[in-house]
């Protein structure tokens, strides 16, 4: 699935297209919003208001990321390879652990 590349290689490429501090900030906030939104939407199957909360988090998280890319002046990496949708969460984890 990784195309004979290591996670480090994918994250390095992802990080190169996320250099602007505001883009990094919007991704640092937006990525966990999107990830958390899935849990809210799943819970929304049983408790409908959580579905709307999850959808709001999902849309806002993506809006933040697209805003960051507008500031950076580069398209999102997943436009060239869908696997970057998975790499973003690994980049976020490395960023918050101080590995980047």
PDB file of N, CA and C in Angstrom:
ATOM      1  N   UNK A   1       0.810  -1.202   0.000  1.00  0.00           N
ATOM      2  CA  UNK A   1       0.000   0.000   0.000  1.00  0.00           C
ATOM      3  C   UNK A   1       0.855   1.268   0.000  1.00  0.00           C
ATOM      4  N   UNK A   2       2.036   1.190   0.556  1.00  0.00           N
ATOM      5  CA  UNK A   2       2.904   2.359   0.624  1.00  0.00           C
ATOM      6  C   UNK A   2       3.772   2.530  -0.626  1.00  0.00           C
ATOM      7  N   UNK A   3       3.623   1.643  -1.606  1.00  0.00           N
ATOM      8  CA  UNK A   3       4.379   1.791  -2.845  1.00  0.00           C
ATOM      9  C   UNK A   3       5.869   1.636  -2.666  1.00  0.00           C
ATOM     10  N   UNK A   4       6.289   0.674  -1.860  1.00  0.00           N
ATOM     11  CA  UNK A   4       7.709   0.417  -1.596  1.00  0.00           C
ATOM     12  C   UNK A   4       8.440   1.633  -1.031  1.00  0.00           C
ATOM     13  N   UNK A   5       7.711   2.461  -0.292  1.00  0.00           N
ATOM     14  CA  UNK A   5       8.304   3.615   0.376  1.00  0.00           C
ATOM     15  C   UNK A   5       8.035   3.491   1.866  1.00  0.00           C
ATOM     16  N   UNK A   6       8.940   4.040   2.652  1.00  0.00           N
ATOM     17  CA  UNK A   6       8.746   4.037   4.104  1.00  0.00           C
ATOM     18  C   UNK A   6       7.803   5.167   4.495  1.00  0.00           C
ATOM     19  N   UNK A   7       7.226   5.042   5.706  1.00  0.00           N
ATOM     20  CA  UNK A   7       6.407   6.132   6.225  1.00  0.00           C
ATOM     21  C   UNK A   7       7.222   7.415   6.293  1.00  0.00           C
ATOM     22  N   UNK A   8       8.488   7.298   6.689  1.00  0.00           N
ATOM     23  CA  UNK A   8       9.344   8.491   6.789  1.00  0.00           C
ATOM     24  C   UNK A   8       9.466   9.202   5.446  1.00  0.00           C
ATOM     25  N   UNK A   9       9.585   8.434   4.372  1.00  0.00           N
ATOM     26  CA  UNK A   9       9.677   9.015   3.036  1.00  0.00           C
ATOM     27  C   UNK A   9       8.403   9.766   2.670  1.00  0.00           C
ATOM     28  N   UNK A  10       7.261   9.165   2.962  1.00  0.00           N
ATOM     29  CA  UNK A  10       5.978   9.816   2.683  1.00  0.00           C
ATOM     30  C   UNK A  10       5.834  11.096   3.509  1.00  0.00           C
ATOM     31  N   UNK A  11       6.174  11.011   4.787  1.00  0.00           N
ATOM     32  CA  UNK A  11       6.023  12.168   5.670  1.00  0.00           C
ATOM     33  C   UNK A  11       6.972  13.290   5.256  1.00  0.00           C
ATOM     34  N   UNK A  12       8.176  12.951   4.830  1.00  0.00           N
ATOM     35  CA  UNK A  12       9.130  13.967   4.367  1.00  0.00           C
ATOM     36  C   UNK A  12       8.584  14.706   3.159  1.00  0.00           C
ATOM     37  N   UNK A  13       8.022  13.970   2.208  1.00  0.00           N
ATOM     38  CA  UNK A  13       7.440  14.615   1.033  1.00  0.00           C
ATOM     39  C   UNK A  13       6.255  15.494   1.433  1.00  0.00           C
ATOM     40  N   UNK A  14       5.417  14.991   2.327  1.00  0.00           N
ATOM     41  CA  UNK A  14       4.265  15.750   2.811  1.00  0.00           C
ATOM     42  C   UNK A  14       4.733  17.034   3.494  1.00  0.00           C
ATOM     43  N   UNK A  15       5.748  16.924   4.329  1.00  0.00           N
ATOM     44  CA  UNK A  15       6.259  18.085   5.061  1.00  0.00           C
ATOM     45  C   UNK A  15       6.824  19.147   4.116  1.00  0.00           C
ATOM     46  N   UNK A  16       7.416  18.729   3.005  1.00  0.00           N
ATOM     47  CA  UNK A  16       7.968  19.694   2.041  1.00  0.00           C
ATOM     48  C   UNK A  16       6.886  20.582   1.439  1.00  0.00           C
ATOM     49  N   UNK A  17       5.673  20.068   1.332  1.00  0.00           N
ATOM     50  CA  UNK A  17       4.599  20.881   0.754  1.00  0.00           C
ATOM     51  C   UNK A  17       3.779  21.595   1.829  1.00  0.00           C
ATOM     52  N   UNK A  18       4.254  21.535   3.054  1.00  0.00           N
ATOM     53  CA  UNK A  18       3.575  22.196   4.174  1.00  0.00           C
ATOM     54  C   UNK A  18       4.600  22.997   4.973  1.00  0.00           C
ATOM     55  N   UNK A  19       5.226  23.959   4.321  1.00  0.00           N
ATOM     56  CA  UNK A  19       6.304  24.736   4.935  1.00  0.00           C
ATOM     57  C   UNK A  19       5.822  26.007   5.629  1.00  0.00           C
ATOM     58  N   UNK A  20       4.784  26.625   5.108  1.00  0.00           N
ATOM     59  CA  UNK A  20       4.327  27.893   5.668  1.00  0.00           C
ATOM     60  C   UNK A  20       3.763  27.656   7.075  1.00  0.00           C
ATOM     61  N   UNK A  21       4.172  28.460   8.053  1.00  0.00           N
ATOM     62  CA  UNK A  21       3.703  28.261   9.430  1.00  0.00           C
ATOM     63  C   UNK A  21       2.176  28.282   9.578  1.00  0.00           C
ATOM     64  N   UNK A  22       1.493  29.118   8.803  1.00  0.00           N
ATOM     65  CA  UNK A  22       0.027  29.144   8.902  1.00  0.00           C
ATOM     66  C   UNK A  22      -0.595  27.886   8.303  1.00  0.00           C
ATOM     67  N   UNK A  23       0.020  27.364   7.249  1.00  0.00           N
ATOM     68  CA  UNK A  23      -0.463  26.098   6.689  1.00  0.00           C
ATOM     69  C   UNK A  23      -0.256  24.978   7.706  1.00  0.00           C
ATOM     70  N   UNK A  24       0.878  24.963   8.350  1.00  0.00           N
ATOM     71  CA  UNK A  24       1.130  23.954   9.380  1.00  0.00           C
ATOM     72  C   UNK A  24       0.116  24.082  10.519  1.00  0.00           C
ATOM     73  N   UNK A  25      -0.193  25.320  10.914  1.00  0.00           N
ATOM     74  CA  UNK A  25      -1.156  25.538  11.985  1.00  0.00           C
ATOM     75  C   UNK A  25      -2.547  25.049  11.586  1.00  0.00           C
ATOM     76  N   UNK A  26      -2.990  25.391  10.372  1.00  0.00           N
ATOM     77  CA  UNK A  26      -4.324  24.969   9.953  1.00  0.00           C
ATOM     78  C   UNK A  26      -4.410  23.447   9.868  1.00  0.00           C
ATOM     79  N   UNK A  27      -3.323  22.798   9.485  1.00  0.00           N
ATOM     80  CA  UNK A  27      -3.309  21.335   9.428  1.00  0.00           C
ATOM     81  C   UNK A  27      -3.225  20.730  10.831  1.00  0.00           C
ATOM     82  N   UNK A  28      -2.479  21.359  11.707  1.00  0.00           N
ATOM     83  CA  UNK A  28      -2.361  20.866  13.078  1.00  0.00           C
ATOM     84  C   UNK A  28      -3.713  20.896  13.788  1.00  0.00           C
ATOM     85  N   UNK A  29      -4.557  21.835  13.428  1.00  0.00           N
ATOM     86  CA  UNK A  29      -5.900  21.910  13.997  1.00  0.00           C
ATOM     87  C   UNK A  29      -6.897  21.093  13.177  1.00  0.00           C
ATOM     88  N   UNK A  30      -6.824  21.208  11.852  1.00  0.00           N
ATOM     89  CA  UNK A  30      -7.809  20.587  10.973  1.00  0.00           C
ATOM     90  C   UNK A  30      -7.755  19.072  10.919  1.00  0.00           C
ATOM     91  N   UNK A  31      -6.566  18.491  10.923  1.00  0.00           N
ATOM     92  CA  UNK A  31      -6.453  17.029  10.819  1.00  0.00           C
ATOM     93  C   UNK A  31      -7.123  16.328  11.999  1.00  0.00           C
ATOM     94  N   UNK A  32      -6.847  16.710  13.246  1.00  0.00           N
ATOM     95  CA  UNK A  32      -7.554  16.022  14.336  1.00  0.00           C
ATOM     96  C   UNK A  32      -9.061  16.281  14.322  1.00  0.00           C
ATOM     97  N   UNK A  33      -9.479  17.450  13.836  1.00  0.00           N
ATOM     98  CA  UNK A  33     -10.917  17.700  13.724  1.00  0.00           C
ATOM     99  C   UNK A  33     -11.564  16.684  12.788  1.00  0.00           C
ATOM    100  N   UNK A  34     -10.916  16.423  11.674  1.00  0.00           N
ATOM    101  CA  UNK A  34     -11.448  15.456  10.712  1.00  0.00           C
ATOM    102  C   UNK A  34     -11.458  14.057  11.320  1.00  0.00           C
ATOM    103  N   UNK A  35     -10.381  13.680  11.984  1.00  0.00           N
ATOM    104  CA  UNK A  35     -10.314  12.344  12.583  1.00  0.00           C
ATOM    105  C   UNK A  35     -11.378  12.165  13.664  1.00  0.00           C
ATOM    106  N   UNK A  36     -11.549  13.159  14.507  1.00  0.00           N
ATOM    107  CA  UNK A  36     -12.560  13.084  15.564  1.00  0.00           C
ATOM    108  C   UNK A  36     -13.965  13.075  14.975  1.00  0.00           C
ATOM    109  N   UNK A  37     -14.135  13.737  13.836  1.00  0.00           N
ATOM    110  CA  UNK A  37     -15.465  13.810  13.227  1.00  0.00           C
ATOM    111  C   UNK A  37     -16.009  12.419  12.892  1.00  0.00           C
ATOM    112  N   UNK A  38     -15.120  11.487  12.535  1.00  0.00           N
ATOM    113  CA  UNK A  38     -15.576  10.134  12.193  1.00  0.00           C
ATOM    114  C   UNK A  38     -16.222   9.452  13.398  1.00  0.00           C
ATOM    115  N   UNK A  39     -15.634   9.625  14.565  1.00  0.00           N
ATOM    116  CA  UNK A  39     -16.213   9.030  15.779  1.00  0.00           C
ATOM    117  C   UNK A  39     -17.572   9.655  16.085  1.00  0.00           C
ATOM    118  N   UNK A  40     -17.672  10.971  15.921  1.00  0.00           N
ATOM    119  CA  UNK A  40     -18.949  11.644  16.164  1.00  0.00           C
ATOM    120  C   UNK A  40     -20.011  11.170  15.173  1.00  0.00           C
ATOM    121  N   UNK A  41     -19.634  11.040  13.899  1.00  0.00           N
ATOM    122  CA  UNK A  41     -20.616  10.601  12.903  1.00  0.00           C
ATOM    123  C   UNK A  41     -21.053   9.162  13.149  1.00  0.00           C
ATOM    124  N   UNK A  42     -20.132   8.322  13.568  1.00  0.00           N
ATOM    125  CA  UNK A  42     -20.485   6.942  13.894  1.00  0.00           C
ATOM    126  C   UNK A  42     -21.434   6.904  15.092  1.00  0.00           C
ATOM    127  N   UNK A  43     -21.119   7.678  16.120  1.00  0.00           N
ATOM    128  CA  UNK A  43     -21.999   7.751  17.291  1.00  0.00           C
ATOM    129  C   UNK A  43     -23.338   8.376  16.924  1.00  0.00           C
ATOM    130  N   UNK A  44     -23.347   9.192  15.874  1.00  0.00           N
ATOM    131  CA  UNK A  44     -24.572   9.833  15.422  1.00  0.00           C
ATOM    132  C   UNK A  44     -25.599   8.866  14.877  1.00  0.00           C
ATOM    133  N   UNK A  45     -25.182   7.640  14.604  1.00  0.00           N
ATOM    134  CA  UNK A  45     -26.140   6.618  14.187  1.00  0.00           C
ATOM    135  C   UNK A  45     -27.143   6.368  15.313  1.00  0.00           C
ATOM    136  N   UNK A  46     -26.654   6.416  16.542  1.00  0.00           N
ATOM    137  CA  UNK A  46     -27.517   6.179  17.696  1.00  0.00           C
ATOM    138  C   UNK A  46     -28.085   7.461  18.298  1.00  0.00           C
ATOM    139  N   UNK A  47     -27.305   8.519  18.240  1.00  0.00           N
ATOM    140  CA  UNK A  47     -27.719   9.784  18.853  1.00  0.00           C
ATOM    141  C   UNK A  47     -27.549  10.891  17.817  1.00  0.00           C
ATOM    142  N   UNK A  48     -28.633  11.222  17.129  1.00  0.00           N
ATOM    143  CA  UNK A  48     -28.621  12.086  15.955  1.00  0.00           C
ATOM    144  C   UNK A  48     -27.854  13.411  16.111  1.00  0.00           C
ATOM    145  N   UNK A  49     -27.945  14.122  17.241  1.00  0.00           N
ATOM    146  CA  UNK A  49     -27.193  15.393  17.329  1.00  0.00           C
ATOM    147  C   UNK A  49     -25.682  15.222  17.132  1.00  0.00           C
ATOM    148  N   UNK A  50     -25.145  14.073  17.493  1.00  0.00           N
ATOM    149  CA  UNK A  50     -23.708  13.850  17.298  1.00  0.00           C
ATOM    150  C   UNK A  50     -23.353  13.755  15.815  1.00  0.00           C
ATOM    151  N   UNK A  51     -24.299  13.305  15.010  1.00  0.00           N
ATOM    152  CA  UNK A  51     -24.061  13.255  13.570  1.00  0.00           C
ATOM    153  C   UNK A  51     -23.802  14.658  13.033  1.00  0.00           C
ATOM    154  N   UNK A  52     -24.619  15.608  13.459  1.00  0.00           N
ATOM    155  CA  UNK A  52     -24.453  16.991  12.997  1.00  0.00           C
ATOM    156  C   UNK A  52     -23.162  17.604  13.520  1.00  0.00           C
ATOM    157  N   UNK A  53     -22.801  17.264  14.741  1.00  0.00           N
ATOM    158  CA  UNK A  53     -21.527  17.738  15.294  1.00  0.00           C
ATOM    159  C   UNK A  53     -20.369  17.170  14.474  1.00  0.00           C
ATOM    160  N   UNK A  54     -20.448  15.887  14.158  1.00  0.00           N
ATOM    161  CA  UNK A  54     -19.409  15.256  13.350  1.00  0.00           C
ATOM    162  C   UNK A  54     -19.299  15.866  11.966  1.00  0.00           C
ATOM    163  N   UNK A  55     -20.418  16.114  11.333  1.00  0.00           N
ATOM    164  CA  UNK A  55     -20.391  16.739  10.008  1.00  0.00           C
ATOM    165  C   UNK A  55     -19.799  18.141  10.066  1.00  0.00           C
ATOM    166  N   UNK A  56     -20.141  18.884  11.113  1.00  0.00           N
ATOM    167  CA  UNK A  56     -19.589  20.236  11.268  1.00  0.00           C
ATOM    168  C   UNK A  56     -18.072  20.185  11.465  1.00  0.00           C
ATOM    169  N   UNK A  57     -17.603  19.264  12.291  1.00  0.00           N
ATOM    170  CA  UNK A  57     -16.157  19.119  12.499  1.00  0.00           C
ATOM    171  C   UNK A  57     -15.454  18.726  11.204  1.00  0.00           C
ATOM    172  N   UNK A  58     -16.063  17.824  10.453  1.00  0.00           N
ATOM    173  CA  UNK A  58     -15.483  17.364   9.192  1.00  0.00           C
ATOM    174  C   UNK A  58     -15.333  18.523   8.205  1.00  0.00           C
ATOM    175  N   UNK A  59     -16.408  19.275   8.028  1.00  0.00           N
ATOM    176  CA  UNK A  59     -16.388  20.397   7.075  1.00  0.00           C
ATOM    177  C   UNK A  59     -15.415  21.476   7.534  1.00  0.00           C
ATOM    178  N   UNK A  60     -15.443  21.817   8.807  1.00  0.00           N
ATOM    179  CA  UNK A  60     -14.539  22.849   9.315  1.00  0.00           C
ATOM    180  C   UNK A  60     -13.079  22.404   9.228  1.00  0.00           C
ATOM    181  N   UNK A  61     -12.812  21.137   9.542  1.00  0.00           N
ATOM    182  CA  UNK A  61     -11.448  20.621   9.439  1.00  0.00           C
ATOM    183  C   UNK A  61     -10.907  20.716   8.016  1.00  0.00           C
ATOM    184  N   UNK A  62     -11.739  20.345   7.033  1.00  0.00           N
ATOM    185  CA  UNK A  62     -11.310  20.442   5.635  1.00  0.00           C
ATOM    186  C   UNK A  62     -11.180  21.895   5.199  1.00  0.00           C
ATOM    187  N   UNK A  63     -12.069  22.747   5.671  1.00  0.00           N
ATOM    188  CA  UNK A  63     -11.974  24.166   5.325  1.00  0.00           C
ATOM    189  C   UNK A  63     -10.648  24.747   5.820  1.00  0.00           C
ATOM    190  N   UNK A  64     -10.252  24.380   7.038  1.00  0.00           N
ATOM    191  CA  UNK A  64      -8.971  24.850   7.567  1.00  0.00           C
ATOM    192  C   UNK A  64      -7.812  24.371   6.708  1.00  0.00           C
ATOM    193  N   UNK A  65      -7.853  23.120   6.295  1.00  0.00           N
ATOM    194  CA  UNK A  65      -6.763  22.594   5.483  1.00  0.00           C
ATOM    195  C   UNK A  65      -6.699  23.284   4.117  1.00  0.00           C
ATOM    196  N   UNK A  66      -7.855  23.487   3.500  1.00  0.00           N
ATOM    197  CA  UNK A  66      -7.861  24.164   2.203  1.00  0.00           C
ATOM    198  C   UNK A  66      -7.404  25.612   2.337  1.00  0.00           C
ATOM    199  N   UNK A  67      -7.766  26.269   3.437  1.00  0.00           N
ATOM    200  CA  UNK A  67      -7.273  27.614   3.700  1.00  0.00           C
ATOM    201  C   UNK A  67      -5.747  27.602   3.812  1.00  0.00           C
ATOM    202  N   UNK A  68      -5.216  26.625   4.520  1.00  0.00           N
ATOM    203  CA  UNK A  68      -3.765  26.503   4.647  1.00  0.00           C
ATOM    204  C   UNK A  68      -3.080  26.332   3.306  1.00  0.00           C
ATOM    205  N   UNK A  69      -3.677  25.543   2.430  1.00  0.00           N
ATOM    206  CA  UNK A  69      -3.077  25.351   1.104  1.00  0.00           C
ATOM    207  C   UNK A  69      -3.190  26.609   0.246  1.00  0.00           C
ATOM    208  N   UNK A  70      -4.249  27.376   0.431  1.00  0.00           N
ATOM    209  CA  UNK A  70      -4.354  28.655  -0.275  1.00  0.00           C
ATOM    210  C   UNK A  70      -3.236  29.591   0.186  1.00  0.00           C
ATOM    211  N   UNK A  71      -2.957  29.597   1.479  1.00  0.00           N
ATOM    212  CA  UNK A  71      -1.870  30.419   2.024  1.00  0.00           C
ATOM    213  C   UNK A  71      -0.528  29.920   1.505  1.00  0.00           C
ATOM    214  N   UNK A  72      -0.334  28.613   1.498  1.00  0.00           N
ATOM    215  CA  UNK A  72       0.919  28.003   1.031  1.00  0.00           C
ATOM    216  C   UNK A  72       1.108  28.212  -0.470  1.00  0.00           C
ATOM    217  N   UNK A  73      -0.003  28.255  -1.204  1.00  0.00           N
ATOM    218  CA  UNK A  73       0.082  28.398  -2.654  1.00  0.00           C
ATOM    219  C   UNK A  73       0.355  27.092  -3.369  1.00  0.00           C
ATOM    220  N   UNK A  74       0.043  25.974  -2.711  1.00  0.00           N
ATOM    221  CA  UNK A  74       0.255  24.650  -3.302  1.00  0.00           C
ATOM    222  C   UNK A  74      -1.004  23.815  -3.111  1.00  0.00           C
ATOM    223  N   UNK A  75      -1.290  22.960  -4.084  1.00  0.00           N
ATOM    224  CA  UNK A  75      -2.463  22.093  -3.917  1.00  0.00           C
ATOM    225  C   UNK A  75      -2.181  21.007  -2.880  1.00  0.00           C
ATOM    226  N   UNK A  76      -3.235  20.442  -2.298  1.00  0.00           N
ATOM    227  CA  UNK A  76      -3.032  19.330  -1.363  1.00  0.00           C
ATOM    228  C   UNK A  76      -2.328  18.160  -2.061  1.00  0.00           C
ATOM    229  N   UNK A  77      -1.471  17.489  -1.335  1.00  0.00           N
ATOM    230  CA  UNK A  77      -0.721  16.357  -1.878  1.00  0.00           C
ATOM    231  C   UNK A  77      -1.628  15.223  -2.363  1.00  0.00           C
ATOM    232  N   UNK A  78      -2.797  15.053  -1.712  1.00  0.00           N
ATOM    233  CA  UNK A  78      -3.647  13.934  -2.105  1.00  0.00           C
ATOM    234  C   UNK A  78      -4.241  14.126  -3.505  1.00  0.00           C
ATOM    235  N   UNK A  79      -4.119  15.327  -4.085  1.00  0.00           N
ATOM    236  CA  UNK A  79      -4.535  15.512  -5.469  1.00  0.00           C
ATOM    237  C   UNK A  79      -3.662  14.678  -6.402  1.00  0.00           C
ATOM    238  N   UNK A  80      -2.410  14.442  -6.010  1.00  0.00           N
ATOM    239  CA  UNK A  80      -1.495  13.654  -6.840  1.00  0.00           C
ATOM    240  C   UNK A  80      -1.466  12.180  -6.440  1.00  0.00           C
ATOM    241  N   UNK A  81      -1.788  11.874  -5.180  1.00  0.00           N
ATOM    242  CA  UNK A  81      -1.784  10.485  -4.710  1.00  0.00           C
ATOM    243  C   UNK A  81      -2.691  10.380  -3.484  1.00  0.00           C
ATOM    244  N   UNK A  82      -3.731   9.574  -3.580  1.00  0.00           N
ATOM    245  CA  UNK A  82      -4.727   9.442  -2.517  1.00  0.00           C
ATOM    246  C   UNK A  82      -4.109   9.005  -1.188  1.00  0.00           C
ATOM    247  N   UNK A  83      -2.964   8.338  -1.230  1.00  0.00           N
ATOM    248  CA  UNK A  83      -2.350   7.850   0.005  1.00  0.00           C
ATOM    249  C   UNK A  83      -1.945   8.973   0.946  1.00  0.00           C
ATOM    250  N   UNK A  84      -1.808  10.183   0.406  1.00  0.00           N
ATOM    251  CA  UNK A  84      -1.478  11.311   1.280  1.00  0.00           C
ATOM    252  C   UNK A  84      -2.616  11.629   2.245  1.00  0.00           C
ATOM    253  N   UNK A  85      -3.825  11.127   1.968  1.00  0.00           N
ATOM    254  CA  UNK A  85      -4.907  11.268   2.943  1.00  0.00           C
ATOM    255  C   UNK A  85      -4.563  10.530   4.236  1.00  0.00           C
ATOM    256  N   UNK A  86      -3.839   9.436   4.123  1.00  0.00           N
ATOM    257  CA  UNK A  86      -3.390   8.678   5.296  1.00  0.00           C
ATOM    258  C   UNK A  86      -2.128   9.280   5.898  1.00  0.00           C
ATOM    259  N   UNK A  87      -1.267   9.801   5.060  1.00  0.00           N
ATOM    260  CA  UNK A  87       0.000  10.365   5.517  1.00  0.00           C
ATOM    261  C   UNK A  87      -0.218  11.592   6.393  1.00  0.00           C
ATOM    262  N   UNK A  88      -1.259  12.360   6.099  1.00  0.00           N
ATOM    263  CA  UNK A  88      -1.530  13.571   6.874  1.00  0.00           C
ATOM    264  C   UNK A  88      -1.654  13.291   8.360  1.00  0.00           C
ATOM    265  N   UNK A  89      -2.332  12.205   8.718  1.00  0.00           N
ATOM    266  CA  UNK A  89      -2.480  11.895  10.146  1.00  0.00           C
ATOM    267  C   UNK A  89      -1.142  11.482  10.763  1.00  0.00           C
ATOM    268  N   UNK A  90      -0.299  10.801   9.995  1.00  0.00           N
ATOM    269  CA  UNK A  90       1.034  10.449  10.504  1.00  0.00           C
ATOM    270  C   UNK A  90       1.906  11.697  10.654  1.00  0.00           C
ATOM    271  N   UNK A  91       1.775  12.632   9.702  1.00  0.00           N
ATOM    272  CA  UNK A  91       2.508  13.899   9.787  1.00  0.00           C
ATOM    273  C   UNK A  91       2.070  14.639  11.050  1.00  0.00           C
ATOM    274  N   UNK A  92       0.756  14.691  11.292  1.00  0.00           N
ATOM    275  CA  UNK A  92       0.223  15.377  12.469  1.00  0.00           C
ATOM    276  C   UNK A  92       0.793  14.759  13.743  1.00  0.00           C
ATOM    277  N   UNK A  93       0.800  13.425  13.826  1.00  0.00           N
ATOM    278  CA  UNK A  93       1.317  12.748  15.018  1.00  0.00           C
ATOM    279  C   UNK A  93       2.790  13.079  15.225  1.00  0.00           C
ATOM    280  N   UNK A  94       3.566  13.084  14.154  1.00  0.00           N
ATOM    281  CA  UNK A  94       4.986  13.429  14.271  1.00  0.00           C
ATOM    282  C   UNK A  94       5.144  14.887  14.694  1.00  0.00           C
ATOM    283  N   UNK A  95       4.311  15.757  14.160  1.00  0.00           N
ATOM    284  CA  UNK A  95       4.379  17.188  14.481  1.00  0.00           C
ATOM    285  C   UNK A  95       4.100  17.442  15.968  1.00  0.00           C
ATOM    286  N   UNK A  96       3.042  16.840  16.477  1.00  0.00           N
ATOM    287  CA  UNK A  96       2.695  17.098  17.891  1.00  0.00           C
ATOM    288  C   UNK A  96       3.661  16.401  18.853  1.00  0.00           C
ATOM    289  N   UNK A  97       4.352  15.368  18.401  1.00  0.00           N
ATOM    290  CA  UNK A  97       5.372  14.722  19.238  1.00  0.00           C
ATOM    291  C   UNK A  97       6.722  15.426  19.134  1.00  0.00           C
ATOM    292  N   UNK A  98       6.803  16.471  18.280  1.00  0.00           N
ATOM    293  CA  UNK A  98       8.049  17.205  18.133  1.00  0.00           C
ATOM    294  C   UNK A  98       9.073  16.503  17.265  1.00  0.00           C
ATOM    295  N   UNK A  99       8.629  15.586  16.415  1.00  0.00           N
ATOM    296  CA  UNK A  99       9.533  14.842  15.545  1.00  0.00           C
ATOM    297  C   UNK A  99       9.814  15.569  14.227  1.00  0.00           C
ATOM    298  N   UNK A 100       9.086  16.656  13.958  1.00  0.00           N
ATOM    299  CA  UNK A 100       9.309  17.430  12.724  1.00  0.00           C
ATOM    300  C   UNK A 100       9.849  18.801  13.060  1.00  0.00           C
TER     301      UNK A 100
END
